[in-house]
Amino acid sequence: MNRITRTFDTLRQQGKKAFVAYVAVGDPDYDRSLEILRGLADAGADVLELGLPFSDPLADGIVNQMAAERALKAGMTTKRVLDLIRDFRQTHETPLVLFTYLNPVFAYGFEAFQADAVAAGADGILLLDLPPDEAGQSHDFDGNDGLLRIRLIAPNTPAPRAKMLAAQAEGFIYALSRTGVTGAHGAPSAQIGELVSSLKAHATVPVCVGFGISTPEQAREVALHADGVIVGSALVKQVELHCHEPHPVEAVLRLAKELIDAVHSV
């Protein structure tokens, strides 16, 4: 069983909601990024989303854009991301989702990327700029065994399309709490409960909500409605603020533990 599926099955049996943490891989450098991943897993993060560094992250706000730039300047490549996953897998079994744009996968080679990602220990992939209907017209992602395709659904997605995406989703659905780019600059929508209910009517996988969640209070409120809560920019911001320190993981974990406790307490 895929680690993502197994984790959500276990959480459901325990009556718990999932905390999903996003980090930019290689930010601020390889070793400290690995330390942050291991620290988040030890702190209780249920799933880790790994942002592949890319020069044109159009769906990301300034915090995640700058994180990608730091990682690229530190020498991160797609191959190095897979190396880091292998190192993480030596000590941890926390599910890993690759959060990426199509370009790095295309440049690496579709078949080779999928095979190497699974071999390294990745469990799922979220391709931000590849519409699922276009993916369905291509055979590039055939033979995608072991790498679940996470679907992204926005609150303004037309109902028929949202129904189609929800029915196709694997692992879990990434439901946006609001429109726009990533970042903690806007609070989650007040209609999250309605959004989650509409998606769960057609989905066979859990629905997790992200975008704009930066405080324990917001995380807990979202967890009341969703199967999981996704936090990225607020954690990445801590890396930015402390990237000149030997162990920025300490600042990341101070916030992460508060968020994890809030989600797991629901």
Protein backbone atom coordinates (compact mmCIF):
# COMPACT_ATOMS: atom_id res chain seq x y z
CA MET A 1 0.00 0.00 0.00
CA ASN A 2 1.23 3.49 -0.87
CA ARG A 3 2.47 5.42 2.18
CA ILE A 4 -0.03 8.23 1.55
CA THR A 5 -2.98 5.85 1.53
CA ARG A 6 -1.70 3.97 4.57
CA THR A 7 -1.20 7.18 6.53
CA PHE A 8 -4.69 8.51 5.86
CA ASP A 9 -6.20 5.11 6.67
CA THR A 10 -4.39 5.12 10.02
CA LEU A 11 -5.46 8.70 10.80
CA ARG A 12 -9.07 7.90 9.98
CA GLN A 13 -9.00 4.89 12.30
CA GLN A 14 -7.56 7.12 15.04
CA GLY A 15 -10.11 9.86 14.41
CA LYS A 16 -7.37 12.36 13.55
CA LYS A 17 -6.84 14.95 10.84
CA ALA A 18 -3.64 15.16 8.81
CA PHE A 19 -1.04 17.89 8.96
CA VAL A 20 0.71 18.34 5.62
CA ALA A 21 3.86 20.47 5.60
CA TYR A 22 5.30 22.05 2.46
CA VAL A 23 9.01 22.85 2.14
CA ALA A 24 11.19 23.97 -0.75
CA VAL A 25 13.74 21.19 -1.21
CA GLY A 26 17.30 22.42 -0.82
CA ASP A 27 16.34 25.61 1.02
CA PRO A 28 18.60 27.01 2.36
CA ASP A 29 20.98 24.21 1.31
CA TYR A 30 21.06 20.43 1.00
CA ASP A 31 22.10 19.49 4.53
CA ARG A 32 19.88 21.95 6.37
CA SER A 33 16.92 21.09 4.13
CA LEU A 34 17.33 17.42 5.03
CA GLU A 35 17.51 18.41 8.70
CA ILE A 36 14.23 20.34 8.32
CA LEU A 37 12.49 17.40 6.64
CA ARG A 38 13.59 15.01 9.35
CA GLY A 39 12.62 17.50 12.06
CA LEU A 40 9.12 17.96 10.64
CA ALA A 41 8.62 14.20 10.42
CA ASP A 42 9.80 13.74 14.01
CA ALA A 43 7.51 16.57 15.16
CA GLY A 44 4.47 14.73 13.81
CA ALA A 45 3.88 16.01 10.28
CA ASP A 46 1.81 13.32 8.57
CA VAL A 47 2.75 14.13 4.96
CA LEU A 48 5.57 16.23 3.52
CA GLU A 49 5.16 18.17 0.28
CA LEU A 50 8.47 18.77 -1.45
CA GLY A 51 8.66 21.79 -3.72
CA LEU A 52 11.12 21.15 -6.57
CA PRO A 53 13.22 24.29 -7.12
CA PHE A 54 12.23 25.95 -10.41
CA SER A 55 13.15 29.29 -11.94
CA ASP A 56 9.58 30.30 -12.86
CA PRO A 57 7.19 29.19 -10.09
CA LEU A 58 4.19 31.15 -11.34
CA ALA A 59 1.67 29.70 -8.88
CA ASP A 60 3.80 30.67 -5.90
CA GLY A 61 3.89 33.86 -3.90
CA ILE A 62 7.06 35.75 -3.09
CA VAL A 63 7.99 33.62 -0.05
CA ASN A 64 8.10 30.37 -2.00
CA GLN A 65 9.64 32.07 -5.04
CA MET A 66 12.55 33.28 -2.92
CA ALA A 67 12.89 29.83 -1.35
CA ALA A 68 13.23 28.28 -4.81
CA GLU A 69 15.85 30.89 -5.69
CA ARG A 70 17.85 30.13 -2.54
CA ALA A 71 17.73 26.41 -3.30
CA LEU A 72 18.84 26.91 -6.91
CA LYS A 73 21.71 29.14 -5.81
CA ALA A 74 22.73 26.43 -3.34
CA GLY A 75 23.12 24.02 -6.24
CA MET A 76 19.87 22.08 -6.09
CA THR A 77 18.77 20.21 -9.20
CA THR A 78 16.03 17.66 -9.83
CA LYS A 79 18.61 14.90 -9.46
CA ARG A 80 19.75 16.36 -6.14
CA VAL A 81 16.13 16.44 -4.96
CA LEU A 82 15.94 12.69 -5.57
CA ASP A 83 19.24 12.24 -3.75
CA LEU A 84 17.81 14.10 -0.76
CA ILE A 85 14.73 11.87 -0.79
CA ARG A 86 16.98 8.81 -0.69
CA ASP A 87 18.82 10.23 2.29
CA PHE A 88 15.52 10.97 4.05
CA ARG A 89 14.30 7.43 3.40
CA GLN A 90 17.28 6.02 5.28
CA THR A 91 15.64 7.18 8.51
CA HIS A 92 11.96 8.01 7.90
CA GLU A 93 8.81 6.57 6.29
CA THR A 94 6.71 9.77 6.24
CA PRO A 95 4.85 10.07 2.90
CA LEU A 96 6.45 12.44 0.38
CA VAL A 97 4.58 14.33 -2.36
CA LEU A 98 6.51 16.04 -5.13
CA PHE A 99 5.10 19.54 -5.69
CA THR A 100 6.36 20.64 -9.09
CA TYR A 101 5.83 22.36 -12.38
CA LEU A 102 5.94 20.41 -15.62
CA ASN A 103 9.19 21.86 -16.94
CA PRO A 104 11.60 20.05 -14.55
CA VAL A 105 9.85 16.75 -15.24
CA PHE A 106 9.92 17.33 -19.01
CA ALA A 107 13.62 18.24 -18.90
CA TYR A 108 14.44 15.13 -16.85
CA GLY A 109 12.29 12.86 -19.03
CA PHE A 110 8.80 11.69 -18.04
CA GLU A 111 9.48 7.97 -17.83
CA ALA A 112 12.88 8.34 -16.19
CA PHE A 113 11.59 10.89 -13.67
CA GLN A 114 8.72 8.70 -12.54
CA ALA A 115 10.86 5.60 -12.23
CA ASP A 116 13.64 7.42 -10.39
CA ALA A 117 11.24 9.26 -8.08
CA VAL A 118 9.54 6.04 -7.02
CA ALA A 119 12.88 4.29 -6.57
CA ALA A 120 14.11 7.17 -4.42
CA GLY A 121 11.06 6.94 -2.16
CA ALA A 122 8.50 9.49 -3.40
CA ASP A 123 4.84 8.57 -3.02
CA GLY A 124 2.86 11.15 -4.98
CA ILE A 125 3.13 14.04 -7.41
CA LEU A 126 1.22 17.29 -7.85
CA LEU A 127 1.89 18.89 -11.25
CA LEU A 128 0.77 22.47 -10.90
CA ASP A 129 0.62 23.48 -14.54
CA LEU A 130 -0.50 20.29 -16.28
CA PRO A 131 -4.30 20.22 -16.75
CA PRO A 132 -5.56 16.69 -16.06
CA ASP A 133 -7.51 16.57 -19.33
CA GLU A 134 -4.32 17.34 -21.26
CA ALA A 135 -2.43 14.71 -19.29
CA GLY A 136 -5.13 12.24 -20.28
CA GLN A 137 -4.37 12.85 -23.95
CA SER A 138 -0.73 11.89 -23.52
CA HIS A 139 0.94 8.57 -22.79
CA ASP A 140 3.87 10.25 -21.07
CA PHE A 141 2.50 9.38 -17.64
CA ASP A 142 1.50 5.82 -18.43
CA GLY A 143 3.07 3.28 -16.11
CA ASN A 144 2.90 5.70 -13.18
CA ASP A 145 2.85 2.89 -10.63
CA GLY A 146 3.74 3.99 -7.13
CA LEU A 147 3.44 7.74 -7.72
CA LEU A 148 -0.09 8.86 -6.89
CA ARG A 149 -1.42 11.88 -8.78
CA ILE A 150 -2.68 14.54 -6.40
CA ARG A 151 -5.31 16.88 -7.87
CA LEU A 152 -5.51 20.60 -7.17
CA ILE A 153 -9.03 22.08 -7.04
CA ALA A 154 -9.79 25.77 -6.57
CA PRO A 155 -12.96 27.23 -5.02
CA ASN A 156 -13.89 28.84 -8.35
CA THR A 157 -13.50 25.62 -10.36
CA PRO A 158 -16.78 25.02 -12.23
CA ALA A 159 -18.86 22.32 -10.55
CA PRO A 160 -18.73 19.79 -13.43
CA ARG A 161 -14.95 20.10 -13.64
CA ALA A 162 -14.53 19.90 -9.86
CA LYS A 163 -16.61 16.72 -9.91
CA MET A 164 -14.38 15.24 -12.63
CA LEU A 165 -11.17 16.17 -10.81
CA ALA A 166 -12.42 14.85 -7.48
CA ALA A 167 -13.37 11.53 -9.04
CA GLN A 168 -9.93 11.19 -10.66
CA ALA A 169 -7.86 12.17 -7.62
CA GLU A 170 -5.42 9.75 -6.03
CA GLY A 171 -3.92 9.91 -2.54
CA PHE A 172 -5.75 13.06 -1.48
CA ILE A 173 -7.24 16.20 -2.98
CA TYR A 174 -5.44 19.52 -2.51
CA ALA A 175 -8.35 21.95 -2.17
CA LEU A 176 -7.42 25.63 -2.29
CA SER A 177 -8.93 27.67 0.52
CA ARG A 178 -8.95 30.69 -1.78
CA THR A 179 -7.84 31.77 -5.22
CA GLY A 180 -4.48 33.38 -5.97
CA VAL A 181 -0.89 32.34 -5.38
CA THR A 182 0.62 30.59 -2.38
CA GLY A 183 1.29 32.63 0.72
CA ALA A 184 0.04 33.64 4.12
CA HIS A 185 -1.07 37.06 2.87
CA GLY A 186 -4.75 36.13 2.74
CA ALA A 187 -6.87 34.29 5.26
CA PRO A 188 -8.69 31.07 4.30
CA SER A 189 -12.15 31.46 2.81
CA ALA A 190 -15.17 31.30 5.09
CA GLN A 191 -16.75 28.81 2.67
CA ILE A 192 -14.28 25.99 3.32
CA GLY A 193 -16.89 23.72 4.85
CA GLU A 194 -19.11 24.07 1.79
CA LEU A 195 -16.16 23.48 -0.55
CA VAL A 196 -15.00 20.35 1.26
CA SER A 197 -18.52 18.90 1.40
CA SER A 198 -19.03 19.40 -2.32
CA LEU A 199 -15.74 17.65 -3.14
CA LYS A 200 -16.27 14.75 -0.74
CA ALA A 201 -19.57 14.02 -2.48
CA HIS A 202 -17.58 12.86 -5.52
CA ALA A 203 -14.18 11.86 -4.12
CA THR A 204 -12.95 8.51 -2.86
CA VAL A 205 -9.85 10.06 -1.25
CA PRO A 206 -9.40 12.54 1.64
CA VAL A 207 -9.75 16.28 1.06
CA CYS A 208 -6.98 18.49 2.43
CA VAL A 209 -7.10 22.28 2.39
CA GLY A 210 -4.21 24.70 1.88
CA PHE A 211 -3.38 28.32 0.93
CA GLY A 212 -3.43 31.17 3.44
CA ILE A 213 -3.16 29.06 6.60
CA SER A 214 -0.47 30.41 8.90
CA THR A 215 -1.67 30.27 12.52
CA PRO A 216 -2.75 27.47 14.87
CA GLU A 217 -6.20 29.08 15.08
CA GLN A 218 -6.63 29.00 11.31
CA ALA A 219 -5.30 25.46 11.12
CA ARG A 220 -7.73 24.23 13.73
CA GLU A 221 -10.69 25.94 12.05
CA VAL A 222 -9.86 24.34 8.71
CA ALA A 223 -9.34 20.94 10.36
CA LEU A 224 -12.91 21.06 11.65
CA HIS A 225 -14.07 20.69 8.03
CA ALA A 226 -11.25 19.00 6.09
CA ASP A 227 -9.42 15.67 6.35
CA GLY A 228 -6.12 17.50 6.45
CA VAL A 229 -4.51 20.93 6.65
CA ILE A 230 -1.67 22.04 4.38
CA VAL A 231 0.76 24.75 5.49
CA GLY A 232 3.64 25.95 3.36
CA SER A 233 4.59 29.61 3.15
CA ALA A 234 4.39 30.19 6.91
CA LEU A 235 6.99 27.45 7.45
CA VAL A 236 9.12 28.51 4.49
CA LYS A 237 9.13 32.06 5.88
CA GLN A 238 10.82 30.76 9.02
CA VAL A 239 13.59 29.30 6.85
CA GLU A 240 14.00 32.69 5.17
CA LEU A 241 14.20 34.53 8.49
CA HIS A 242 16.74 32.11 9.95
CA CYS A 243 18.66 30.92 6.88
CA HIS A 244 21.87 32.53 8.12
CA GLU A 245 21.77 30.47 11.31
CA PRO A 246 23.36 27.01 11.62
CA HIS A 247 20.03 25.31 12.35
CA PRO A 248 16.95 27.11 10.93
CA VAL A 249 15.06 23.90 11.68
CA GLU A 250 14.63 25.12 15.26
CA ALA A 251 12.51 28.10 14.19
CA VAL A 252 10.57 26.00 11.69
CA LEU A 253 9.71 23.44 14.35
CA ARG A 254 8.57 26.04 16.89
CA LEU A 255 5.77 27.03 14.53
CA ALA A 256 5.21 23.56 13.12
CA LYS A 257 4.60 22.00 16.53
CA GLU A 258 1.92 24.57 17.32
CA LEU A 259 0.22 23.91 13.98
CA ILE A 260 0.48 20.13 14.32
CA ASP A 261 -0.98 20.20 17.83
CA ALA A 262 -3.87 22.38 16.62
CA VAL A 263 -4.72 20.01 13.76
CA HIS A 264 -4.32 16.81 15.76
CA SER A 265 -6.48 18.15 18.58
CA VAL A 266 -9.60 18.36 16.40
